[in-house]
N, C-alpha and C. Protein backbone atom coordinates (compact mmCIF):
# COMPACT_ATOMS: atom_id res chain seq x y z
N UNK A 1 12.05 10.86 -2.45
CA UNK A 1 12.48 9.46 -3.36
C UNK A 1 12.35 10.21 -4.93
N UNK A 2 13.52 9.94 -5.53
CA UNK A 2 13.26 10.35 -7.12
C UNK A 2 12.14 9.14 -7.40
N UNK A 3 10.97 9.51 -8.46
CA UNK A 3 9.76 8.71 -8.48
C UNK A 3 10.81 8.06 -10.30
N UNK A 4 11.15 8.77 -10.94
CA UNK A 4 12.01 8.56 -12.05
C UNK A 4 12.92 7.06 -11.79
N UNK A 5 13.64 7.30 -10.74
CA UNK A 5 14.47 6.30 -10.03
C UNK A 5 13.83 5.10 -10.31
N UNK A 6 12.87 4.96 -9.23
CA UNK A 6 11.96 4.08 -8.99
C UNK A 6 11.28 3.16 -10.10
N UNK A 7 10.65 3.89 -10.94
CA UNK A 7 10.03 3.35 -12.11
C UNK A 7 10.98 2.83 -13.25
N UNK A 8 11.96 3.85 -13.31
CA UNK A 8 13.33 3.07 -14.24
C UNK A 8 14.10 1.57 -13.38
N UNK A 9 14.02 1.37 -12.37
CA UNK A 9 14.34 0.12 -11.39
C UNK A 9 13.06 -0.87 -11.11
N UNK A 10 12.21 -0.43 -11.50
CA UNK A 10 11.22 -1.57 -10.96
C UNK A 10 11.33 -2.83 -11.66
N UNK A 11 10.93 -3.77 -10.91
CA UNK A 11 10.57 -4.96 -11.35
C UNK A 11 9.14 -5.34 -12.25
N UNK A 12 8.53 -5.12 -11.28
CA UNK A 12 6.91 -5.05 -11.98
C UNK A 12 5.92 -4.07 -11.03
N UNK A 13 4.90 -4.07 -12.04
CA UNK A 13 4.04 -3.20 -11.03
C UNK A 13 2.56 -3.27 -11.62
N UNK A 14 1.39 -2.66 -10.81
CA UNK A 14 0.14 -3.42 -10.71
C UNK A 14 -0.39 -1.71 -10.72
N UNK A 15 -1.57 -1.42 -10.82
CA UNK A 15 -2.34 -0.50 -11.04
C UNK A 15 -2.16 0.38 -10.11
N UNK A 16 -1.52 0.18 -8.75
CA UNK A 16 -1.43 0.92 -7.64
C UNK A 16 -0.12 1.09 -7.15
N UNK A 17 0.68 0.05 -7.73
CA UNK A 17 2.05 -0.19 -7.03
C UNK A 17 3.28 -0.35 -8.13
N UNK A 18 4.07 0.13 -7.39
CA UNK A 18 5.49 -0.69 -8.48
C UNK A 18 6.46 -1.22 -7.25
N UNK A 19 7.14 -2.50 -7.68
CA UNK A 19 7.87 -3.23 -6.73
C UNK A 19 9.10 -3.14 -7.01
N UNK A 20 10.03 -2.63 -6.42
CA UNK A 20 11.70 -2.60 -7.17
C UNK A 20 12.59 -3.19 -5.98
N UNK A 21 13.66 -3.60 -6.66
CA UNK A 21 15.01 -4.43 -5.94
C UNK A 21 15.29 -3.75 -4.77
N UNK A 22 15.16 -3.86 -3.35
CA UNK A 22 15.94 -2.96 -2.19
C UNK A 22 17.64 -2.79 -2.50
N UNK A 23 18.00 -4.21 -3.15
CA UNK A 23 19.63 -3.92 -3.35
C UNK A 23 19.80 -2.31 -4.15
N UNK A 24 18.74 -2.73 -5.39
CA UNK A 24 19.07 -0.91 -5.87
C UNK A 24 18.90 0.12 -5.27
N UNK A 25 18.16 0.20 -4.58
CA UNK A 25 17.73 1.42 -3.60
C UNK A 25 18.75 1.45 -2.53
N UNK A 26 19.11 0.64 -2.04
CA UNK A 26 19.96 0.34 -0.71
C UNK A 26 21.71 0.90 -1.27
N UNK A 27 21.71 0.38 -2.69
CA UNK A 27 23.02 0.89 -3.15
C UNK A 27 23.03 2.15 -4.29
N UNK A 28 21.78 2.96 -3.99
CA UNK A 28 21.85 4.16 -4.87
C UNK A 28 22.34 5.28 -4.04
N UNK A 29 22.19 6.54 -4.97
CA UNK A 29 23.00 7.64 -4.21
C UNK A 29 22.46 7.81 -2.63
N UNK A 30 23.26 8.68 -2.14
CA UNK A 30 23.32 8.33 -0.19
C UNK A 30 22.07 8.61 0.11
N UNK A 31 21.22 9.85 -0.67
CA UNK A 31 19.91 10.55 -0.43
C UNK A 31 19.02 9.40 -0.66
N UNK A 32 19.04 8.75 -2.02
CA UNK A 32 18.05 7.32 -1.94
C UNK A 32 17.80 6.41 -0.87
N UNK A 33 19.13 6.29 -0.34
CA UNK A 33 19.60 5.07 1.02
C UNK A 33 19.08 5.88 2.14
N UNK A 34 19.20 6.60 2.50
CA UNK A 34 19.06 7.38 3.64
C UNK A 34 17.28 7.03 3.75
N UNK A 35 16.88 7.61 2.29
CA UNK A 35 15.33 7.32 2.41
C UNK A 35 14.61 6.01 2.23
N UNK A 36 15.39 5.43 2.48
CA UNK A 36 14.45 3.90 2.39
C UNK A 36 14.70 3.74 3.66
N UNK A 37 15.94 3.97 4.58
CA UNK A 37 16.25 3.47 5.66
C UNK A 37 15.42 4.27 6.70
N UNK A 38 14.61 5.83 6.41
CA UNK A 38 14.22 6.20 7.26
C UNK A 38 12.53 6.13 7.22
N UNK A 39 12.60 5.55 5.74
CA UNK A 39 11.07 5.13 5.74
C UNK A 39 10.84 3.61 6.40
N UNK A 40 11.89 2.52 6.39
CA UNK A 40 11.84 1.73 6.98
C UNK A 40 11.29 1.58 8.80
N UNK A 41 12.07 2.70 9.23
CA UNK A 41 12.03 2.65 10.26
C UNK A 41 10.49 3.57 10.67
N UNK A 42 10.08 4.05 10.00
CA UNK A 42 8.61 4.60 10.02
C UNK A 42 7.73 3.64 10.06
N UNK A 43 7.72 2.30 9.01
CA UNK A 43 6.91 1.35 8.56
C UNK A 43 6.89 0.35 10.09
N UNK A 44 8.24 0.07 10.52
CA UNK A 44 8.40 -1.42 11.51
C UNK A 44 7.89 -0.68 12.68
N UNK A 45 6.37 -0.42 12.76
CA UNK A 45 5.96 -0.73 14.08
C UNK A 45 5.75 -1.81 15.00
N UNK A 46 5.98 -1.69 16.10
CA UNK A 46 5.63 -3.15 17.15
C UNK A 46 4.50 -4.02 16.63
N UNK A 47 3.21 -3.27 15.66
CA UNK A 47 2.38 -4.35 15.28
C UNK A 47 2.48 -5.05 14.37
N UNK A 48 3.21 -4.24 13.28
CA UNK A 48 4.00 -4.84 12.26
C UNK A 48 5.08 -5.86 12.48
N UNK A 49 5.75 -5.45 13.10
CA UNK A 49 6.76 -6.42 13.45
C UNK A 49 6.49 -7.40 14.50
N UNK A 50 5.55 -7.72 15.09
CA UNK A 50 4.81 -8.71 16.10
C UNK A 50 5.47 -9.81 15.96
N UNK A 51 4.93 -10.83 14.59
CA UNK A 51 5.33 -11.81 14.44
C UNK A 51 6.43 -11.73 13.67
N UNK A 52 7.54 -11.00 13.14
CA UNK A 52 8.69 -11.24 12.51
C UNK A 52 9.58 -11.34 13.36
N UNK A 53 10.87 -11.90 12.92
CA UNK A 53 11.87 -12.56 13.54
C UNK A 53 12.67 -11.29 13.99
N UNK A 54 13.31 -11.98 15.65
CA UNK A 54 14.04 -10.94 16.45
C UNK A 54 14.65 -9.57 15.93
N UNK A 55 15.56 -10.17 14.51
CA UNK A 55 16.18 -8.80 14.18
C UNK A 55 15.31 -7.69 13.22
N UNK A 56 13.94 -7.71 13.27
CA UNK A 56 13.07 -6.71 12.69
C UNK A 56 12.61 -6.17 13.66
N UNK A 57 13.06 -6.53 14.89
CA UNK A 57 12.63 -5.40 15.98
C UNK A 57 13.16 -4.45 16.35
N UNK A 58 12.33 -3.48 17.00
CA UNK A 58 12.84 -2.18 17.59
C UNK A 58 14.05 -1.83 16.64
N UNK A 59 13.64 -1.35 15.64
CA UNK A 59 14.16 -0.39 14.27
C UNK A 59 14.32 0.82 14.20
N UNK A 60 14.76 1.53 15.30
CA UNK A 60 14.57 2.79 16.02
C UNK A 60 15.68 4.06 15.00
N UNK A 61 16.81 3.52 14.94
CA UNK A 61 17.55 4.58 14.23
C UNK A 61 18.24 4.03 13.14
N UNK A 62 19.10 4.87 12.25
CA UNK A 62 19.23 4.59 10.36
C UNK A 62 20.01 3.63 10.75
N UNK A 63 21.21 3.96 11.72
CA UNK A 63 22.09 2.48 11.75
C UNK A 63 21.52 1.14 12.26
N UNK A 64 19.98 1.09 12.94
CA UNK A 64 19.72 -0.50 12.94
C UNK A 64 18.90 -0.67 11.48
N UNK A 65 18.44 0.14 10.96
CA UNK A 65 17.67 -0.10 9.64
C UNK A 65 19.12 -0.83 8.90
N UNK A 66 20.19 0.24 8.92
CA UNK A 66 20.95 -0.31 7.79
C UNK A 66 21.56 -1.95 7.96
N UNK A 67 21.64 -2.05 9.24
CA UNK A 67 21.94 -3.35 9.64
C UNK A 67 21.05 -4.22 9.20
N UNK A 68 19.74 -4.29 9.44
CA UNK A 68 18.57 -4.77 9.23
C UNK A 68 18.66 -5.34 7.62
N UNK A 69 18.86 -4.16 6.75
CA UNK A 69 19.26 -4.54 5.37
C UNK A 69 20.27 -5.07 4.94
N UNK A 70 21.48 -5.27 5.77
CA UNK A 70 22.68 -6.21 5.34
C UNK A 70 22.10 -6.98 5.57
N UNK A 71 21.44 -7.47 6.84
CA UNK A 71 21.19 -9.00 6.98
C UNK A 71 20.30 -9.53 5.88
N UNK A 72 19.26 -8.73 5.63
CA UNK A 72 18.30 -8.89 4.58
C UNK A 72 18.31 -9.68 3.30
N UNK A 73 19.42 -8.46 2.79
CA UNK A 73 19.87 -8.23 1.48
C UNK A 73 20.77 -9.85 1.73
N UNK A 74 21.61 -10.33 2.45
CA UNK A 74 22.75 -11.22 2.21
C UNK A 74 22.09 -12.70 1.99
N UNK A 75 20.70 -12.85 2.75
CA UNK A 75 19.76 -14.08 3.04
C UNK A 75 18.67 -14.13 1.80
N UNK A 76 18.42 -12.88 1.26
CA UNK A 76 17.11 -13.35 0.44
C UNK A 76 16.98 -11.95 -0.57
N UNK A 77 16.29 -12.29 -1.29
CA UNK A 77 15.88 -11.16 -2.04
C UNK A 77 14.50 -10.54 -1.91
N UNK A 78 14.95 -9.07 -1.71
CA UNK A 78 14.05 -8.24 -0.66
C UNK A 78 13.20 -7.20 -1.74
N UNK A 79 12.09 -6.90 -1.67
CA UNK A 79 11.41 -5.69 -2.92
C UNK A 79 10.60 -4.97 -2.10
N UNK A 80 10.93 -3.39 -2.50
CA UNK A 80 10.21 -2.55 -2.03
C UNK A 80 8.80 -2.12 -2.57
N UNK A 81 8.06 -1.95 -2.01
CA UNK A 81 6.38 -1.95 -2.47
C UNK A 81 6.07 -0.31 -2.31
N UNK A 82 6.07 0.01 -3.47
CA UNK A 82 6.02 1.68 -3.54
C UNK A 82 4.40 1.87 -4.12
N UNK A 83 3.62 2.75 -3.16
CA UNK A 83 2.06 3.09 -3.73
C UNK A 83 2.68 4.42 -4.42
N UNK A 84 2.15 4.38 -5.93
CA UNK A 84 2.60 4.98 -6.81
C UNK A 84 1.22 6.85 -6.49
N UNK A 85 0.88 6.76 -6.22
CA UNK A 85 -0.24 8.01 -6.29
C UNK A 85 0.32 8.83 -4.85
N UNK A 86 0.77 8.17 -3.67
CA UNK A 86 1.67 8.45 -2.58
C UNK A 86 3.21 8.95 -3.13
N UNK A 87 3.69 8.28 -3.95
CA UNK A 87 4.96 8.16 -4.18
C UNK A 87 5.88 7.77 -2.70
N UNK A 88 5.40 6.51 -1.96
CA UNK A 88 6.07 6.67 -1.20
C UNK A 88 6.22 4.96 -0.81
N UNK A 89 7.25 4.59 -0.09
CA UNK A 89 7.26 2.94 0.06
C UNK A 89 6.17 2.43 1.30
N UNK A 90 5.36 1.61 0.91
CA UNK A 90 4.52 1.23 2.11
C UNK A 90 4.70 -0.10 2.31
N UNK A 91 5.73 -0.78 1.98
CA UNK A 91 6.06 -2.10 2.57
C UNK A 91 7.18 -3.00 1.98
N UNK A 92 7.42 -3.73 2.38
CA UNK A 92 8.37 -4.98 1.60
C UNK A 92 7.84 -6.08 1.38
N UNK A 93 8.57 -6.83 0.43
CA UNK A 93 8.59 -8.42 -0.09
C UNK A 93 9.84 -8.90 0.12
N UNK A 94 9.94 -10.23 0.71
CA UNK A 94 10.93 -10.74 0.86
C UNK A 94 11.15 -12.25 0.44
N UNK A 95 11.59 -12.94 -0.57
CA UNK A 95 11.97 -14.27 -0.58
C UNK A 95 13.19 -14.83 -0.79
N UNK A 96 12.93 -15.84 0.24
CA UNK A 96 14.16 -16.75 0.91
C UNK A 96 13.96 -18.33 -0.43
N UNK A 97 14.96 -18.31 -1.45
CA UNK A 97 15.02 -19.39 -2.00
C UNK A 97 15.50 -21.04 -0.93
N UNK A 98 14.31 -21.83 -1.10
CA UNK A 98 14.76 -23.15 -0.25
C UNK A 98 15.72 -23.89 -1.43
N UNK A 99 15.39 -23.90 -2.42
CA UNK A 99 16.28 -24.85 -3.32
C UNK A 99 15.50 -24.32 -4.94
N UNK A 100 16.45 -24.64 -6.16
CA UNK A 100 16.15 -24.42 -7.15
C UNK A 100 14.86 -23.62 -7.33
N UNK A 101 13.58 -24.76 -7.28
CA UNK A 101 12.51 -24.16 -7.50
C UNK A 101 10.92 -23.84 -6.51
N UNK A 102 11.93 -23.77 -5.32
CA UNK A 102 10.77 -23.37 -4.20
C UNK A 102 11.23 -22.25 -3.38
N UNK A 103 10.40 -21.49 -2.88
CA UNK A 103 11.03 -20.08 -2.30
C UNK A 103 10.31 -20.12 -0.94
N UNK A 104 10.36 -19.58 0.18
CA UNK A 104 9.36 -19.11 1.06
C UNK A 104 9.77 -17.43 0.69
N UNK A 105 8.03 -17.22 0.85
CA UNK A 105 7.84 -15.51 0.94
C UNK A 105 7.17 -14.82 2.44
N UNK A 106 7.61 -14.05 2.46
CA UNK A 106 7.00 -13.12 3.48
C UNK A 106 6.77 -11.55 2.95
N UNK A 107 5.98 -10.80 4.02
CA UNK A 107 5.89 -9.72 3.15
C UNK A 107 5.19 -8.85 4.86
N UNK A 108 5.88 -7.34 4.66
CA UNK A 108 5.35 -6.65 5.74
C UNK A 108 4.54 -5.08 4.77
N UNK A 109 3.59 -4.70 5.43
CA UNK A 109 3.02 -3.76 5.27
C UNK A 109 2.68 -2.59 6.02
N UNK A 110 2.98 -1.32 6.30
CA UNK A 110 3.14 -0.35 7.13
C UNK A 110 1.63 -0.28 7.85
N UNK A 111 1.15 -0.18 9.04
CA UNK A 111 -0.28 -0.18 9.49
C UNK A 111 -1.19 0.29 8.62
N UNK A 112 -0.82 1.97 8.40
CA UNK A 112 -1.75 2.62 7.66
C UNK A 112 -2.29 2.55 6.11
N UNK A 113 -1.40 1.27 5.90
CA UNK A 113 -2.05 0.26 4.48
C UNK A 113 -2.84 -0.89 4.55
N UNK A 114 -3.27 -1.19 5.80
CA UNK A 114 -3.65 -2.50 6.10
C UNK A 114 -5.22 -2.30 5.21
N UNK A 115 -5.53 -3.66 4.80
CA UNK A 115 -7.28 -3.29 5.04
C UNK A 115 -7.58 -2.72 3.73
N UNK A 116 -6.53 -2.37 2.71
CA UNK A 116 -6.98 -1.85 1.63
C UNK A 116 -6.85 -2.91 0.12
N UNK A 117 -6.31 -3.67 0.27
CA UNK A 117 -6.19 -4.68 -0.70
C UNK A 117 -4.57 -4.70 -1.21
N UNK A 118 -3.73 -3.69 -1.04
CA UNK A 118 -2.65 -4.18 -1.24
C UNK A 118 -1.96 -4.90 -0.99
N UNK A 119 -2.08 -6.30 -0.08
CA UNK A 119 -1.08 -7.20 -0.14
C UNK A 119 -1.60 -8.18 -1.04
N UNK A 120 -2.85 -8.10 -0.81
CA UNK A 120 -3.67 -8.78 -2.05
C UNK A 120 -2.83 -8.74 -3.53
N UNK A 121 -2.64 -7.50 -3.85
CA UNK A 121 -2.25 -6.83 -5.25
C UNK A 121 -1.25 -7.05 -5.59
N UNK A 122 -0.09 -6.88 -4.59
CA UNK A 122 1.38 -6.95 -4.42
C UNK A 122 1.71 -8.61 -4.88
N UNK A 123 0.74 -9.44 -3.90
CA UNK A 123 1.24 -11.03 -3.83
C UNK A 123 0.74 -11.48 -5.23
N UNK A 124 -0.79 -11.10 -5.70
CA UNK A 124 -0.65 -11.66 -7.07
C UNK A 124 0.25 -11.19 -8.56
N UNK A 125 0.61 -10.39 -8.22
CA UNK A 125 1.55 -9.86 -9.38
C UNK A 125 3.09 -10.30 -9.07
N UNK A 126 3.38 -11.10 -8.17
CA UNK A 126 4.44 -11.69 -7.48
C UNK A 126 4.45 -12.78 -8.06
N UNK A 127 3.35 -13.43 -7.61
CA UNK A 127 3.25 -15.10 -8.29
C UNK A 127 3.60 -14.78 -10.13
N UNK A 128 2.78 -13.85 -10.48
CA UNK A 128 3.05 -13.94 -11.94
C UNK A 128 4.30 -13.44 -12.72
N UNK A 129 5.03 -12.57 -11.72
CA UNK A 129 6.59 -12.21 -12.07
C UNK A 129 7.32 -13.29 -11.55
N UNK A 130 7.05 -14.11 -10.65
CA UNK A 130 8.23 -15.26 -10.41
C UNK A 130 7.88 -16.56 -11.51
N UNK A 131 6.68 -16.59 -11.93
CA UNK A 131 6.33 -17.49 -13.28
C UNK A 131 7.01 -17.09 -14.52
N UNK A 132 6.75 -15.74 -14.95
CA UNK A 132 7.96 -15.46 -15.92
C UNK A 132 9.11 -15.08 -15.97
N UNK A 133 9.80 -14.63 -14.47
CA UNK A 133 11.01 -14.44 -14.38
C UNK A 133 12.07 -15.27 -13.68
N UNK A 134 11.46 -16.25 -13.07
CA UNK A 134 12.11 -17.39 -12.23
C UNK A 134 12.07 -18.84 -12.53
N UNK A 135 12.60 -19.49 -11.92
CA UNK A 135 12.33 -20.98 -12.00
C UNK A 135 11.71 -21.11 -11.00
N UNK A 136 11.68 -20.36 -10.30
CA UNK A 136 10.63 -20.57 -8.71
C UNK A 136 9.27 -21.15 -9.23
N UNK A 137 8.74 -22.43 -8.60
CA UNK A 137 7.55 -22.77 -9.15
C UNK A 137 6.44 -23.11 -7.97
N UNK A 138 7.27 -22.96 -6.54
CA UNK A 138 6.41 -23.51 -5.34
C UNK A 138 6.74 -22.15 -4.27
N UNK A 139 5.87 -21.19 -4.02
CA UNK A 139 6.21 -20.54 -2.87
C UNK A 139 5.40 -20.92 -1.73
N UNK A 140 6.06 -20.98 -0.54
CA UNK A 140 5.34 -21.22 0.96
C UNK A 140 5.21 -20.07 1.63
N UNK A 141 4.40 -19.68 2.23
CA UNK A 141 4.10 -18.73 3.16
C UNK A 141 3.20 -18.75 4.41
N UNK A 142 3.84 -18.11 5.39
CA UNK A 142 2.39 -18.49 6.18
C UNK A 142 1.84 -17.65 6.99
N UNK A 143 1.31 -17.34 8.21
CA UNK A 143 0.76 -16.26 8.48
C UNK A 143 1.23 -15.96 9.91
N UNK A 144 1.72 -15.32 10.80
CA UNK A 144 2.43 -15.16 12.16
C UNK A 144 0.98 -14.45 13.35
């Protein structure tokens, strides 16, 4: 994936991560979209998707991944989490707006990136971004 494209399209970043809007990646050049879909297949292992809704399960083909993003993009804001040093997508953040000032958030992180503080890092940055760029004042989250 072209790093310059990600940096131009980013919404916010941390010292190790760049967070970008999946819609832009999904609607980008065909090779960018294929990279997004391929990376999604790699990240969505059974351990990662264990507590997620059924439509996240068994994403094994580009067509499955494409169908997943069509659904996710239609019902939420979806962000890709890129690890800058590796120049790769390591996870996703989803925001489901419940009402004007409240939203439910969810995220997934590839197994290889668990236990390294990435989730805390991007969630803290997401909270700041929401305060500065949206009307959302309440975020709901749960652990599966």
